[in-house]
Amino acid sequence: MVEWIGMFVLGLAAVPVWLVFREWRIVQQPPGLFRAVGTVVRRPDSITAREGRIGRYRDADIFERIRFSGQEYEFTGVAPPAYKEWLRPSELYLEPGLLYVAQPAYRFKGARR
């Protein structure tokens, strides 16, 4: 009986270590299209390129295409703030609720690579 209690306590101690390791692996992934989670951008001035202004939402300009951290994204719609918790790997959530999806084949006008 004592061996089972010891194994149970050891198992309980391993769960938090595993959770921390899993989160650390997600954070260590390079930015770009193939991330485990989507990207949340809180400051619009961190967007490096914008193209095709198509409107406004909550005092923020909506652009048809943007570039963030070397990845191009295309506007798909607006989302509530709670959607940040369920972002897909290729999505970018830009405050105040603009939702963009990665477009790997698009090239900005005048952009050099």
N, C-alpha and C. Protein backbone atom coordinates (compact mmCIF):
# COMPACT_ATOMS: atom_id res chain seq x y z
N MET A 1 0.82 -1.20 0.00
CA MET A 1 0.00 0.00 0.00
C MET A 1 0.86 1.26 0.00
N VAL A 2 1.97 1.22 0.74
CA VAL A 2 2.85 2.38 0.84
C VAL A 2 3.48 2.69 -0.51
N GLU A 3 3.80 1.65 -1.29
CA GLU A 3 4.40 1.89 -2.61
C GLU A 3 3.44 2.64 -3.53
N TRP A 4 2.17 2.31 -3.46
CA TRP A 4 1.17 2.97 -4.31
C TRP A 4 1.01 4.43 -3.93
N ILE A 5 1.04 4.73 -2.66
CA ILE A 5 0.93 6.13 -2.22
C ILE A 5 2.13 6.92 -2.72
N GLY A 6 3.32 6.31 -2.63
CA GLY A 6 4.52 6.98 -3.12
C GLY A 6 4.46 7.23 -4.62
N MET A 7 3.98 6.27 -5.38
CA MET A 7 3.84 6.44 -6.83
C MET A 7 2.79 7.51 -7.15
N PHE A 8 1.73 7.54 -6.39
CA PHE A 8 0.68 8.54 -6.60
C PHE A 8 1.22 9.95 -6.35
N VAL A 9 1.97 10.13 -5.27
CA VAL A 9 2.56 11.44 -4.96
C VAL A 9 3.57 11.83 -6.03
N LEU A 10 4.36 10.88 -6.48
CA LEU A 10 5.32 11.16 -7.56
C LEU A 10 4.60 11.56 -8.84
N GLY A 11 3.50 10.89 -9.16
CA GLY A 11 2.70 11.25 -10.34
C GLY A 11 2.11 12.64 -10.23
N LEU A 12 1.62 12.99 -9.05
CA LEU A 12 1.08 14.34 -8.84
C LEU A 12 2.16 15.41 -8.99
N ALA A 13 3.37 15.12 -8.56
CA ALA A 13 4.46 16.09 -8.69
C ALA A 13 4.90 16.23 -10.14
N ALA A 14 4.74 15.19 -10.94
CA ALA A 14 5.19 15.23 -12.34
C ALA A 14 4.25 16.06 -13.22
N VAL A 15 3.00 16.16 -12.86
CA VAL A 15 2.03 16.88 -13.70
C VAL A 15 2.40 18.36 -13.85
N PRO A 16 2.67 19.13 -12.77
CA PRO A 16 3.05 20.54 -12.97
C PRO A 16 4.34 20.70 -13.76
N VAL A 17 5.29 19.79 -13.56
CA VAL A 17 6.54 19.87 -14.32
C VAL A 17 6.26 19.67 -15.80
N TRP A 18 5.41 18.73 -16.14
CA TRP A 18 5.05 18.48 -17.54
C TRP A 18 4.34 19.70 -18.14
N LEU A 19 3.41 20.32 -17.38
CA LEU A 19 2.69 21.49 -17.89
C LEU A 19 3.63 22.66 -18.16
N VAL A 20 4.56 22.90 -17.26
CA VAL A 20 5.53 23.99 -17.46
C VAL A 20 6.41 23.69 -18.67
N PHE A 21 6.87 22.46 -18.81
CA PHE A 21 7.69 22.10 -19.96
C PHE A 21 6.93 22.28 -21.26
N ARG A 22 5.65 21.90 -21.29
CA ARG A 22 4.84 22.04 -22.51
C ARG A 22 4.70 23.52 -22.90
N GLU A 23 4.42 24.39 -21.93
CA GLU A 23 4.32 25.83 -22.21
C GLU A 23 5.66 26.40 -22.66
N TRP A 24 6.75 25.95 -22.07
CA TRP A 24 8.06 26.43 -22.46
C TRP A 24 8.36 26.07 -23.91
N ARG A 25 7.98 24.86 -24.34
CA ARG A 25 8.19 24.46 -25.74
C ARG A 25 7.40 25.33 -26.69
N ILE A 26 6.19 25.71 -26.33
CA ILE A 26 5.38 26.58 -27.18
C ILE A 26 6.03 27.94 -27.32
N VAL A 27 6.54 28.48 -26.21
CA VAL A 27 7.17 29.80 -26.24
C VAL A 27 8.45 29.78 -27.07
N GLN A 28 9.18 28.68 -27.06
CA GLN A 28 10.44 28.58 -27.77
C GLN A 28 10.30 28.42 -29.28
N GLN A 29 9.09 28.18 -29.78
CA GLN A 29 8.91 28.00 -31.22
C GLN A 29 9.15 29.32 -31.94
N PRO A 30 9.77 29.28 -33.10
CA PRO A 30 10.00 30.51 -33.85
C PRO A 30 8.68 31.09 -34.36
N PRO A 31 8.60 32.43 -34.48
CA PRO A 31 7.38 33.02 -35.01
C PRO A 31 7.19 32.66 -36.48
N GLY A 32 5.99 32.73 -36.91
CA GLY A 32 5.71 32.42 -38.29
C GLY A 32 4.45 31.61 -38.44
N LEU A 33 4.31 30.98 -39.58
CA LEU A 33 3.07 30.29 -39.92
C LEU A 33 2.82 29.06 -39.06
N PHE A 34 3.84 28.28 -38.75
CA PHE A 34 3.63 26.99 -38.10
C PHE A 34 3.87 27.05 -36.60
N ARG A 35 3.11 27.86 -35.92
CA ARG A 35 3.18 27.93 -34.46
C ARG A 35 2.08 27.07 -33.86
N ALA A 36 2.23 26.72 -32.60
CA ALA A 36 1.23 25.89 -31.93
C ALA A 36 0.00 26.70 -31.56
N VAL A 37 0.17 28.02 -31.40
CA VAL A 37 -0.94 28.89 -31.05
C VAL A 37 -0.92 30.10 -31.97
N GLY A 38 -2.03 30.81 -32.03
CA GLY A 38 -2.09 32.03 -32.83
C GLY A 38 -1.32 33.16 -32.18
N THR A 39 -1.30 34.31 -32.84
CA THR A 39 -0.56 35.47 -32.38
C THR A 39 -1.53 36.56 -31.97
N VAL A 40 -1.27 37.18 -30.81
CA VAL A 40 -2.07 38.31 -30.34
C VAL A 40 -1.16 39.53 -30.36
N VAL A 41 -1.58 40.58 -31.09
CA VAL A 41 -0.82 41.83 -31.18
C VAL A 41 -1.60 42.90 -30.44
N ARG A 42 -1.02 43.44 -29.39
CA ARG A 42 -1.71 44.45 -28.58
C ARG A 42 -1.43 45.88 -29.06
N ARG A 43 -0.30 46.09 -29.71
CA ARG A 43 0.06 47.43 -30.16
C ARG A 43 0.08 47.47 -31.68
N PRO A 44 -0.84 48.21 -32.29
CA PRO A 44 -0.89 48.28 -33.77
C PRO A 44 0.39 48.83 -34.39
N ASP A 45 1.18 49.63 -33.65
CA ASP A 45 2.40 50.17 -34.23
C ASP A 45 3.50 49.12 -34.40
N SER A 46 3.28 47.90 -33.90
CA SER A 46 4.26 46.84 -34.11
C SER A 46 4.08 46.12 -35.44
N ILE A 47 3.04 46.47 -36.18
CA ILE A 47 2.83 45.92 -37.52
C ILE A 47 3.84 46.59 -38.45
N THR A 48 4.60 45.78 -39.20
CA THR A 48 5.68 46.35 -40.01
C THR A 48 5.24 46.83 -41.39
N ALA A 49 4.15 46.29 -41.93
CA ALA A 49 3.67 46.74 -43.24
C ALA A 49 2.15 46.62 -43.28
N ARG A 50 1.53 47.58 -43.98
CA ARG A 50 0.07 47.60 -44.13
C ARG A 50 -0.25 47.89 -45.59
N GLU A 51 -1.33 47.29 -46.07
CA GLU A 51 -1.72 47.53 -47.46
C GLU A 51 -3.23 47.46 -47.60
N GLY A 52 -3.81 48.41 -48.32
CA GLY A 52 -5.22 48.39 -48.68
C GLY A 52 -6.17 48.68 -47.54
N ARG A 53 -6.20 49.93 -47.09
CA ARG A 53 -7.13 50.31 -46.02
C ARG A 53 -8.56 50.09 -46.51
N ILE A 54 -9.33 49.28 -45.74
CA ILE A 54 -10.69 48.95 -46.17
C ILE A 54 -11.76 49.42 -45.19
N GLY A 55 -11.36 50.03 -44.07
CA GLY A 55 -12.37 50.53 -43.14
C GLY A 55 -11.79 50.79 -41.76
N ARG A 56 -12.73 51.00 -40.81
CA ARG A 56 -12.35 51.24 -39.41
C ARG A 56 -13.23 50.41 -38.50
N TYR A 57 -12.67 50.04 -37.35
CA TYR A 57 -13.42 49.31 -36.34
C TYR A 57 -12.91 49.75 -34.98
N ARG A 58 -13.80 50.33 -34.17
CA ARG A 58 -13.44 50.82 -32.83
C ARG A 58 -12.20 51.71 -32.87
N ASP A 59 -12.22 52.69 -33.72
CA ASP A 59 -11.13 53.66 -33.89
C ASP A 59 -9.81 53.05 -34.34
N ALA A 60 -9.85 51.89 -34.94
CA ALA A 60 -8.63 51.28 -35.50
C ALA A 60 -8.84 51.05 -36.99
N ASP A 61 -7.83 51.37 -37.77
CA ASP A 61 -7.90 51.14 -39.21
C ASP A 61 -7.86 49.64 -39.51
N ILE A 62 -8.65 49.23 -40.50
CA ILE A 62 -8.63 47.86 -40.97
C ILE A 62 -7.91 47.85 -42.32
N PHE A 63 -6.89 47.03 -42.42
CA PHE A 63 -6.13 46.91 -43.66
C PHE A 63 -6.39 45.53 -44.25
N GLU A 64 -6.41 45.48 -45.59
CA GLU A 64 -6.64 44.22 -46.28
C GLU A 64 -5.53 43.21 -45.97
N ARG A 65 -4.28 43.70 -45.94
CA ARG A 65 -3.13 42.84 -45.65
C ARG A 65 -2.18 43.56 -44.71
N ILE A 66 -1.56 42.80 -43.83
CA ILE A 66 -0.54 43.34 -42.92
C ILE A 66 0.62 42.36 -42.85
N ARG A 67 1.75 42.86 -42.33
CA ARG A 67 2.91 41.99 -42.08
C ARG A 67 3.31 42.18 -40.62
N PHE A 68 3.52 41.07 -39.95
CA PHE A 68 3.97 41.09 -38.56
C PHE A 68 5.01 40.00 -38.37
N SER A 69 6.15 40.37 -37.87
CA SER A 69 7.24 39.44 -37.60
C SER A 69 7.61 38.61 -38.83
N GLY A 70 7.61 39.27 -40.00
CA GLY A 70 8.03 38.61 -41.23
C GLY A 70 6.97 37.75 -41.89
N GLN A 71 5.80 37.68 -41.33
CA GLN A 71 4.71 36.85 -41.87
C GLN A 71 3.59 37.76 -42.39
N GLU A 72 3.07 37.45 -43.58
CA GLU A 72 1.97 38.23 -44.14
C GLU A 72 0.64 37.63 -43.72
N TYR A 73 -0.33 38.52 -43.42
CA TYR A 73 -1.67 38.11 -42.99
C TYR A 73 -2.71 38.87 -43.80
N GLU A 74 -3.87 38.24 -43.99
CA GLU A 74 -4.99 38.85 -44.71
C GLU A 74 -6.19 38.96 -43.77
N PHE A 75 -6.89 40.10 -43.85
CA PHE A 75 -8.03 40.35 -42.96
C PHE A 75 -9.16 39.37 -43.25
N THR A 76 -9.74 38.80 -42.17
CA THR A 76 -10.86 37.88 -42.33
C THR A 76 -12.11 38.32 -41.61
N GLY A 77 -12.01 39.22 -40.64
CA GLY A 77 -13.20 39.68 -39.93
C GLY A 77 -12.85 40.21 -38.55
N VAL A 78 -13.90 40.46 -37.77
CA VAL A 78 -13.72 40.91 -36.40
C VAL A 78 -14.09 39.78 -35.45
N ALA A 79 -13.53 39.82 -34.25
CA ALA A 79 -13.76 38.75 -33.27
C ALA A 79 -13.88 39.37 -31.88
N PRO A 80 -14.65 38.76 -31.01
CA PRO A 80 -14.74 39.26 -29.63
C PRO A 80 -13.43 39.03 -28.88
N PRO A 81 -13.19 39.78 -27.81
CA PRO A 81 -11.93 39.62 -27.06
C PRO A 81 -11.70 38.20 -26.55
N ALA A 82 -12.75 37.47 -26.24
CA ALA A 82 -12.58 36.10 -25.74
C ALA A 82 -12.00 35.16 -26.79
N TYR A 83 -12.06 35.54 -28.06
CA TYR A 83 -11.54 34.68 -29.13
C TYR A 83 -10.02 34.52 -29.04
N LYS A 84 -9.35 35.42 -28.34
CA LYS A 84 -7.89 35.31 -28.19
C LYS A 84 -7.49 33.98 -27.56
N GLU A 85 -8.37 33.40 -26.76
CA GLU A 85 -8.07 32.14 -26.10
C GLU A 85 -8.15 30.94 -27.04
N TRP A 86 -8.80 31.09 -28.20
CA TRP A 86 -9.02 29.96 -29.12
C TRP A 86 -8.41 30.19 -30.50
N LEU A 87 -7.41 31.03 -30.59
CA LEU A 87 -6.80 31.30 -31.89
C LEU A 87 -6.20 30.03 -32.50
N ARG A 88 -6.36 29.91 -33.79
CA ARG A 88 -5.74 28.81 -34.52
C ARG A 88 -4.28 29.18 -34.82
N PRO A 89 -3.45 28.21 -35.15
CA PRO A 89 -2.03 28.50 -35.37
C PRO A 89 -1.73 29.55 -36.43
N SER A 90 -2.53 29.67 -37.46
CA SER A 90 -2.22 30.61 -38.54
C SER A 90 -2.94 31.95 -38.38
N GLU A 91 -3.59 32.19 -37.25
CA GLU A 91 -4.37 33.42 -37.07
C GLU A 91 -3.61 34.45 -36.25
N LEU A 92 -3.94 35.72 -36.53
CA LEU A 92 -3.39 36.84 -35.79
C LEU A 92 -4.56 37.68 -35.31
N TYR A 93 -4.60 37.97 -34.02
CA TYR A 93 -5.64 38.80 -33.41
C TYR A 93 -5.01 40.15 -33.11
N LEU A 94 -5.53 41.20 -33.73
CA LEU A 94 -5.00 42.54 -33.54
C LEU A 94 -6.02 43.35 -32.74
N GLU A 95 -5.58 43.88 -31.60
CA GLU A 95 -6.48 44.70 -30.79
C GLU A 95 -7.01 45.83 -31.64
N PRO A 96 -8.28 46.14 -31.60
CA PRO A 96 -9.35 45.84 -30.66
C PRO A 96 -10.24 44.67 -31.06
N GLY A 97 -9.82 43.81 -31.97
CA GLY A 97 -10.64 42.66 -32.33
C GLY A 97 -10.58 42.32 -33.81
N LEU A 98 -9.53 42.74 -34.49
CA LEU A 98 -9.39 42.45 -35.91
C LEU A 98 -8.70 41.10 -36.07
N LEU A 99 -9.24 40.26 -36.92
CA LEU A 99 -8.73 38.92 -37.10
C LEU A 99 -8.12 38.77 -38.49
N TYR A 100 -6.88 38.30 -38.53
CA TYR A 100 -6.15 38.09 -39.78
C TYR A 100 -5.69 36.64 -39.85
N VAL A 101 -5.54 36.13 -41.09
CA VAL A 101 -5.06 34.77 -41.31
C VAL A 101 -3.81 34.83 -42.17
N ALA A 102 -2.83 33.99 -41.85
CA ALA A 102 -1.55 33.97 -42.56
C ALA A 102 -1.74 33.62 -44.02
N GLN A 103 -1.01 34.34 -44.88
CA GLN A 103 -1.02 34.12 -46.33
C GLN A 103 0.42 33.98 -46.79
N PRO A 104 0.97 32.79 -46.80
CA PRO A 104 2.40 32.63 -47.09
C PRO A 104 2.81 32.98 -48.51
N ALA A 105 1.90 32.92 -49.48
CA ALA A 105 2.29 33.14 -50.87
C ALA A 105 2.17 34.60 -51.30
N TYR A 106 1.60 35.47 -50.46
CA TYR A 106 1.38 36.86 -50.88
C TYR A 106 2.66 37.67 -50.74
N ARG A 107 2.85 38.60 -51.68
CA ARG A 107 4.00 39.49 -51.62
C ARG A 107 3.52 40.93 -51.69
N PHE A 108 3.93 41.76 -50.75
CA PHE A 108 3.52 43.16 -50.71
C PHE A 108 4.05 43.91 -51.91
N LYS A 109 3.28 44.90 -52.36
CA LYS A 109 3.72 45.73 -53.49
C LYS A 109 4.98 46.48 -53.09
N GLY A 110 5.98 46.38 -53.90
CA GLY A 110 7.23 47.09 -53.63
C GLY A 110 8.11 46.40 -52.60
N ALA A 111 7.72 45.25 -52.12
CA ALA A 111 8.52 44.56 -51.10
C ALA A 111 9.69 43.82 -51.73
N ARG A 112 10.80 43.81 -51.05
CA ARG A 112 11.97 43.07 -51.50
C ARG A 112 12.24 41.95 -50.53
N ARG A 113 12.69 40.82 -51.06
CA ARG A 113 13.05 39.69 -50.20
C ARG A 113 14.41 39.19 -50.55
